[in-house]
C-alpha atoms as a PDB file:
ATOM      1  CA  MET A   1      -0.172   0.345   0.004  1.00  0.00           C
ATOM      2  CA  ARG A   2       1.014   3.360  -0.708  1.00  0.00           C
ATOM      3  CA  CYS A   3       0.136   7.265  -0.659  1.00  0.00           C
ATOM      4  CA  VAL A   4      -0.289   8.180  -3.980  1.00  0.00           C
ATOM      5  CA  HIS A   5      -1.911  11.714  -2.506  1.00  0.00           C
ATOM      6  CA  LYS A   6      -1.918  13.983   0.234  1.00  0.00           C
ATOM      7  CA  GLU A   7      -3.710  17.452   0.053  1.00  0.00           C
ATOM      8  CA  LYS A   8      -6.351  19.790   3.179  1.00  0.00           C
ATOM      9  CA  ASN A   9      -8.903  16.661   3.900  1.00  0.00           C
ATOM     10  CA  LEU A  10      -7.771  13.969   1.079  1.00  0.00           C
ATOM     11  CA  ALA A  11      -5.968  11.089   0.722  1.00  0.00           C
ATOM     12  CA  ARG A  12      -5.139   9.142  -1.759  1.00  0.00           C
ATOM     13  CA  TYR A  13      -3.801   4.929  -1.479  1.00  0.00           C
ATOM     14  CA  GLU A  14      -3.101   2.334  -3.955  1.00  0.00           C
ATOM     15  CA  LEU A  15      -2.612  -1.485  -3.413  1.00  0.00           C
ATOM     16  CA  GLU A  16      -2.073  -4.072  -6.089  1.00  0.00           C
ATOM     17  CA  ILE A  17      -3.844  -6.383  -5.237  1.00  0.00           C
ATOM     18  CA  ALA A  18      -1.840 -10.710  -5.469  1.00  0.00           C
ATOM     19  CA  THR A  19      -2.782 -13.620  -4.771  1.00  0.00           C
ATOM     20  CA  ASP A  20      -1.535 -12.869  -1.249  1.00  0.00           C
ATOM     21  CA  HIS A  21      -4.434 -10.475  -1.072  1.00  0.00           C
ATOM     22  CA  LEU A  22      -6.886 -13.310  -1.743  1.00  0.00           C
ATOM     23  CA  ASN A  23      -9.589 -15.673  -0.352  1.00  0.00           C
ATOM     24  CA  LYS A  24     -11.067 -19.010  -1.289  1.00  0.00           C
ATOM     25  CA  ARG A  25     -13.008 -17.277  -3.992  1.00  0.00           C
ATOM     26  CA  GLY A  26      -9.839 -15.811  -5.854  1.00  0.00           C
ATOM     27  CA  VAL A  27     -11.188 -11.734  -4.843  1.00  0.00           C
ATOM     28  CA  ALA A  28      -9.664 -10.401  -1.861  1.00  0.00           C
ATOM     29  CA  HIS A  29     -10.281 -10.636   1.492  1.00  0.00           C
ATOM     30  CA  GLY A  30     -12.391  -8.105   2.596  1.00  0.00           C
ATOM     31  CA  GLY A  31      -9.627  -6.760   5.533  1.00  0.00           C
ATOM     32  CA  VAL A  32      -7.909  -6.542   2.898  1.00  0.00           C
ATOM     33  CA  VAL A  33     -10.585  -3.611   2.264  1.00  0.00           C
ATOM     34  CA  ALA A  34     -11.661  -2.601   4.804  1.00  0.00           C
ATOM     35  CA  SER A  35      -7.909  -1.801   5.878  1.00  0.00           C
ATOM     36  CA  LEU A  36      -7.317   0.394   2.874  1.00  0.00           C
ATOM     37  CA  LEU A  37     -10.171   1.558   3.379  1.00  0.00           C
ATOM     38  CA  ASP A  38      -9.814   2.322   7.202  1.00  0.00           C
ATOM     39  CA  THR A  39      -6.230   4.270   6.430  1.00  0.00           C
ATOM     40  CA  ALA A  40      -7.620   6.612   3.432  1.00  0.00           C
ATOM     41  CA  LEU A  41     -10.112   8.190   5.552  1.00  0.00           C
ATOM     42  CA  GLY A  42      -8.060   8.441   8.317  1.00  0.00           C
ATOM     43  CA  ALA A  43      -4.780   9.875   6.172  1.00  0.00           C
ATOM     44  CA  SER A  44      -7.682  12.527   5.570  1.00  0.00           C
ATOM     45  CA  VAL A  45      -8.788  13.133   9.453  1.00  0.00           C
ATOM     46  CA  VAL A  46      -4.568  13.261  10.234  1.00  0.00           C
ATOM     47  CA  PHE A  47      -4.426  16.549   7.931  1.00  0.00           C
ATOM     48  CA  SER A  48      -7.578  17.837  10.379  1.00  0.00           C
ATOM     49  CA  LEU A  49      -5.003  16.696  13.445  1.00  0.00           C
ATOM     50  CA  THR A  50      -2.988  19.986  15.344  1.00  0.00           C
ATOM     51  CA  PRO A  51       0.616  18.596  15.746  1.00  0.00           C
ATOM     52  CA  GLU A  52      -0.465  17.533  19.544  1.00  0.00           C
ATOM     53  CA  GLU A  53      -3.836  16.158  18.598  1.00  0.00           C
ATOM     54  CA  TRP A  54      -3.675  12.027  18.433  1.00  0.00           C
ATOM     55  CA  THR A  55      -6.301  10.049  16.412  1.00  0.00           C
ATOM     56  CA  GLY A  56      -8.348   6.713  16.120  1.00  0.00           C
ATOM     57  CA  THR A  57     -10.578   4.801  13.984  1.00  0.00           C
ATOM     58  CA  LEU A  58     -13.987   4.573  16.593  1.00  0.00           C
ATOM     59  CA  GLU A  59     -15.586   3.283  13.616  1.00  0.00           C
ATOM     60  CA  LEU A  60     -16.110   2.218   9.955  1.00  0.00           C
ATOM     61  CA  SER A  61     -18.183   1.043   8.128  1.00  0.00           C
ATOM     62  CA  VAL A  62     -17.573  -0.851   5.073  1.00  0.00           C
ATOM     63  CA  GLN A  63     -19.953  -1.609   1.581  1.00  0.00           C
ATOM     64  CA  PHE A  64     -18.703  -3.801  -0.226  1.00  0.00           C
ATOM     65  CA  ARG A  65     -20.339  -3.481  -3.798  1.00  0.00           C
ATOM     66  CA  GLU A  66     -17.992  -5.462  -6.147  1.00  0.00           C
ATOM     67  CA  ALA A  67     -15.631  -8.208  -6.057  1.00  0.00           C
ATOM     68  CA  VAL A  68     -12.370  -6.864  -5.801  1.00  0.00           C
ATOM     69  CA  ARG A  69      -9.970  -8.854  -7.829  1.00  0.00           C
ATOM     70  CA  PRO A  70      -5.892  -8.466  -8.930  1.00  0.00           C
ATOM     71  CA  GLY A  71      -5.145  -5.304 -10.253  1.00  0.00           C
ATOM     72  CA  VAL A  72      -4.499  -2.117  -8.417  1.00  0.00           C
ATOM     73  CA  VAL A  73      -7.108  -0.458  -6.732  1.00  0.00           C
ATOM     74  CA  VAL A  74      -7.584   2.980  -5.511  1.00  0.00           C
ATOM     75  CA  ALA A  75      -8.510   4.484  -2.226  1.00  0.00           C
ATOM     76  CA  GLU A  76      -9.954   7.952  -1.480  1.00  0.00           C
ATOM     77  CA  GLY A  77     -10.468   8.412   1.926  1.00  0.00           C
ATOM     78  CA  ARG A  78     -12.327  12.431   2.639  1.00  0.00           C
ATOM     79  CA  LEU A  79     -12.872  14.305   5.375  1.00  0.00           C
ATOM     80  CA  ALA A  80     -16.202  15.038   5.747  1.00  0.00           C
ATOM     81  CA  ARG A  81     -17.142  17.093   9.049  1.00  0.00           C
ATOM     82  CA  ARG A  82     -14.562  18.130  12.073  1.00  0.00           C
ATOM     83  CA  GLY A  83     -15.209  18.639  15.207  1.00  0.00           C
ATOM     84  CA  ARG A  84     -13.627  18.699  19.183  1.00  0.00           C
ATOM     85  CA  SER A  85     -13.360  15.216  19.758  1.00  0.00           C
ATOM     86  CA  VAL A  86     -14.406  13.410  16.925  1.00  0.00           C
ATOM     87  CA  ALA A  87     -14.524  13.359  12.275  1.00  0.00           C
ATOM     88  CA  PHE A  88     -16.089  11.590   9.762  1.00  0.00           C
ATOM     89  CA  ALA A  89     -14.817  11.003   6.771  1.00  0.00           C
ATOM     90  CA  GLU A  90     -15.733   8.185   4.014  1.00  0.00           C
ATOM     91  CA  GLY A  91     -14.305   6.899   0.415  1.00  0.00           C
ATOM     92  CA  GLU A  92     -13.976   4.437  -1.414  1.00  0.00           C
ATOM     93  CA  ILE A  93     -10.997   2.089  -3.717  1.00  0.00           C
ATOM     94  CA  ARG A  94     -12.319   2.309  -7.526  1.00  0.00           C
ATOM     95  CA  ASP A  95     -10.649   0.039  -9.510  1.00  0.00           C
ATOM     96  CA  ALA A  96      -9.011   1.058 -12.986  1.00  0.00           C
ATOM     97  CA  SER A  97     -11.572   1.932 -15.038  1.00  0.00           C
ATOM     98  CA  GLY A  98     -13.009   4.115 -11.940  1.00  0.00           C
ATOM     99  CA  LYS A  99     -15.768   1.421 -11.321  1.00  0.00           C
ATOM    100  CA  ILE A 100     -16.518   2.172  -7.448  1.00  0.00           C
ATOM    101  CA  LEU A 101     -15.611  -1.644  -5.956  1.00  0.00           C
ATOM    102  CA  ALA A 102     -16.180  -0.570  -2.161  1.00  0.00           C
ATOM    103  CA  SER A 103     -17.408   2.462  -0.225  1.00  0.00           C
ATOM    104  CA  ALA A 104     -16.500   3.362   3.703  1.00  0.00           C
ATOM    105  CA  HIS A 105     -18.336   5.851   6.036  1.00  0.00           C
ATOM    106  CA  GLY A 106     -16.062   6.425   9.208  1.00  0.00           C
ATOM    107  CA  VAL A 107     -15.814   8.084  12.137  1.00  0.00           C
ATOM    108  CA  TRP A 108     -12.607   9.428  13.906  1.00  0.00           C
ATOM    109  CA  THR A 109     -11.919   9.850  18.136  1.00  0.00           C
ATOM    110  CA  ILE A 110      -9.750  12.330  18.679  1.00  0.00           C
ATOM    111  CA  TRP A 111      -7.428  13.509  21.420  1.00  0.00           C
ATOM    112  CA  PRO A 112      -6.337  16.164  22.822  1.00  0.00           C
ATOM    113  CA  LYS A 113      -2.551  14.728  22.982  1.00  0.00           C
ATOM    114  CA  LYS A 114      -0.837  11.894  22.938  1.00  0.00           C
ATOM    115  CA  PRO A 115      -3.248   8.602  24.948  1.00  0.00           C
ATOM    116  CA  ASP A 116      -1.052   6.760  27.465  1.00  0.00           C
END
């Protein structure tokens, strides 16, 4: 997985789905898809933080729309709203043709400093 784009409130990560990522049916395991989305959405939240703030995923909901097959996929995460103690993000994974394969929305907790 690698970050291919970062800007305020937006992050894109790509991953080449390989045989190691596949389940017995020959499609990407749901955990791989969820991890990629968690990373992209979480990165969009991180851009909203001050240097002393810290964040962690509180909730992530993934909607699996199409099978994620071998090849390069791109996950985009966008900060939807930021409050004092929580942030909301959304995004999706697309294949090389731009087709949405999975989408997600989630909530991140925000601490004023790194938790002990």
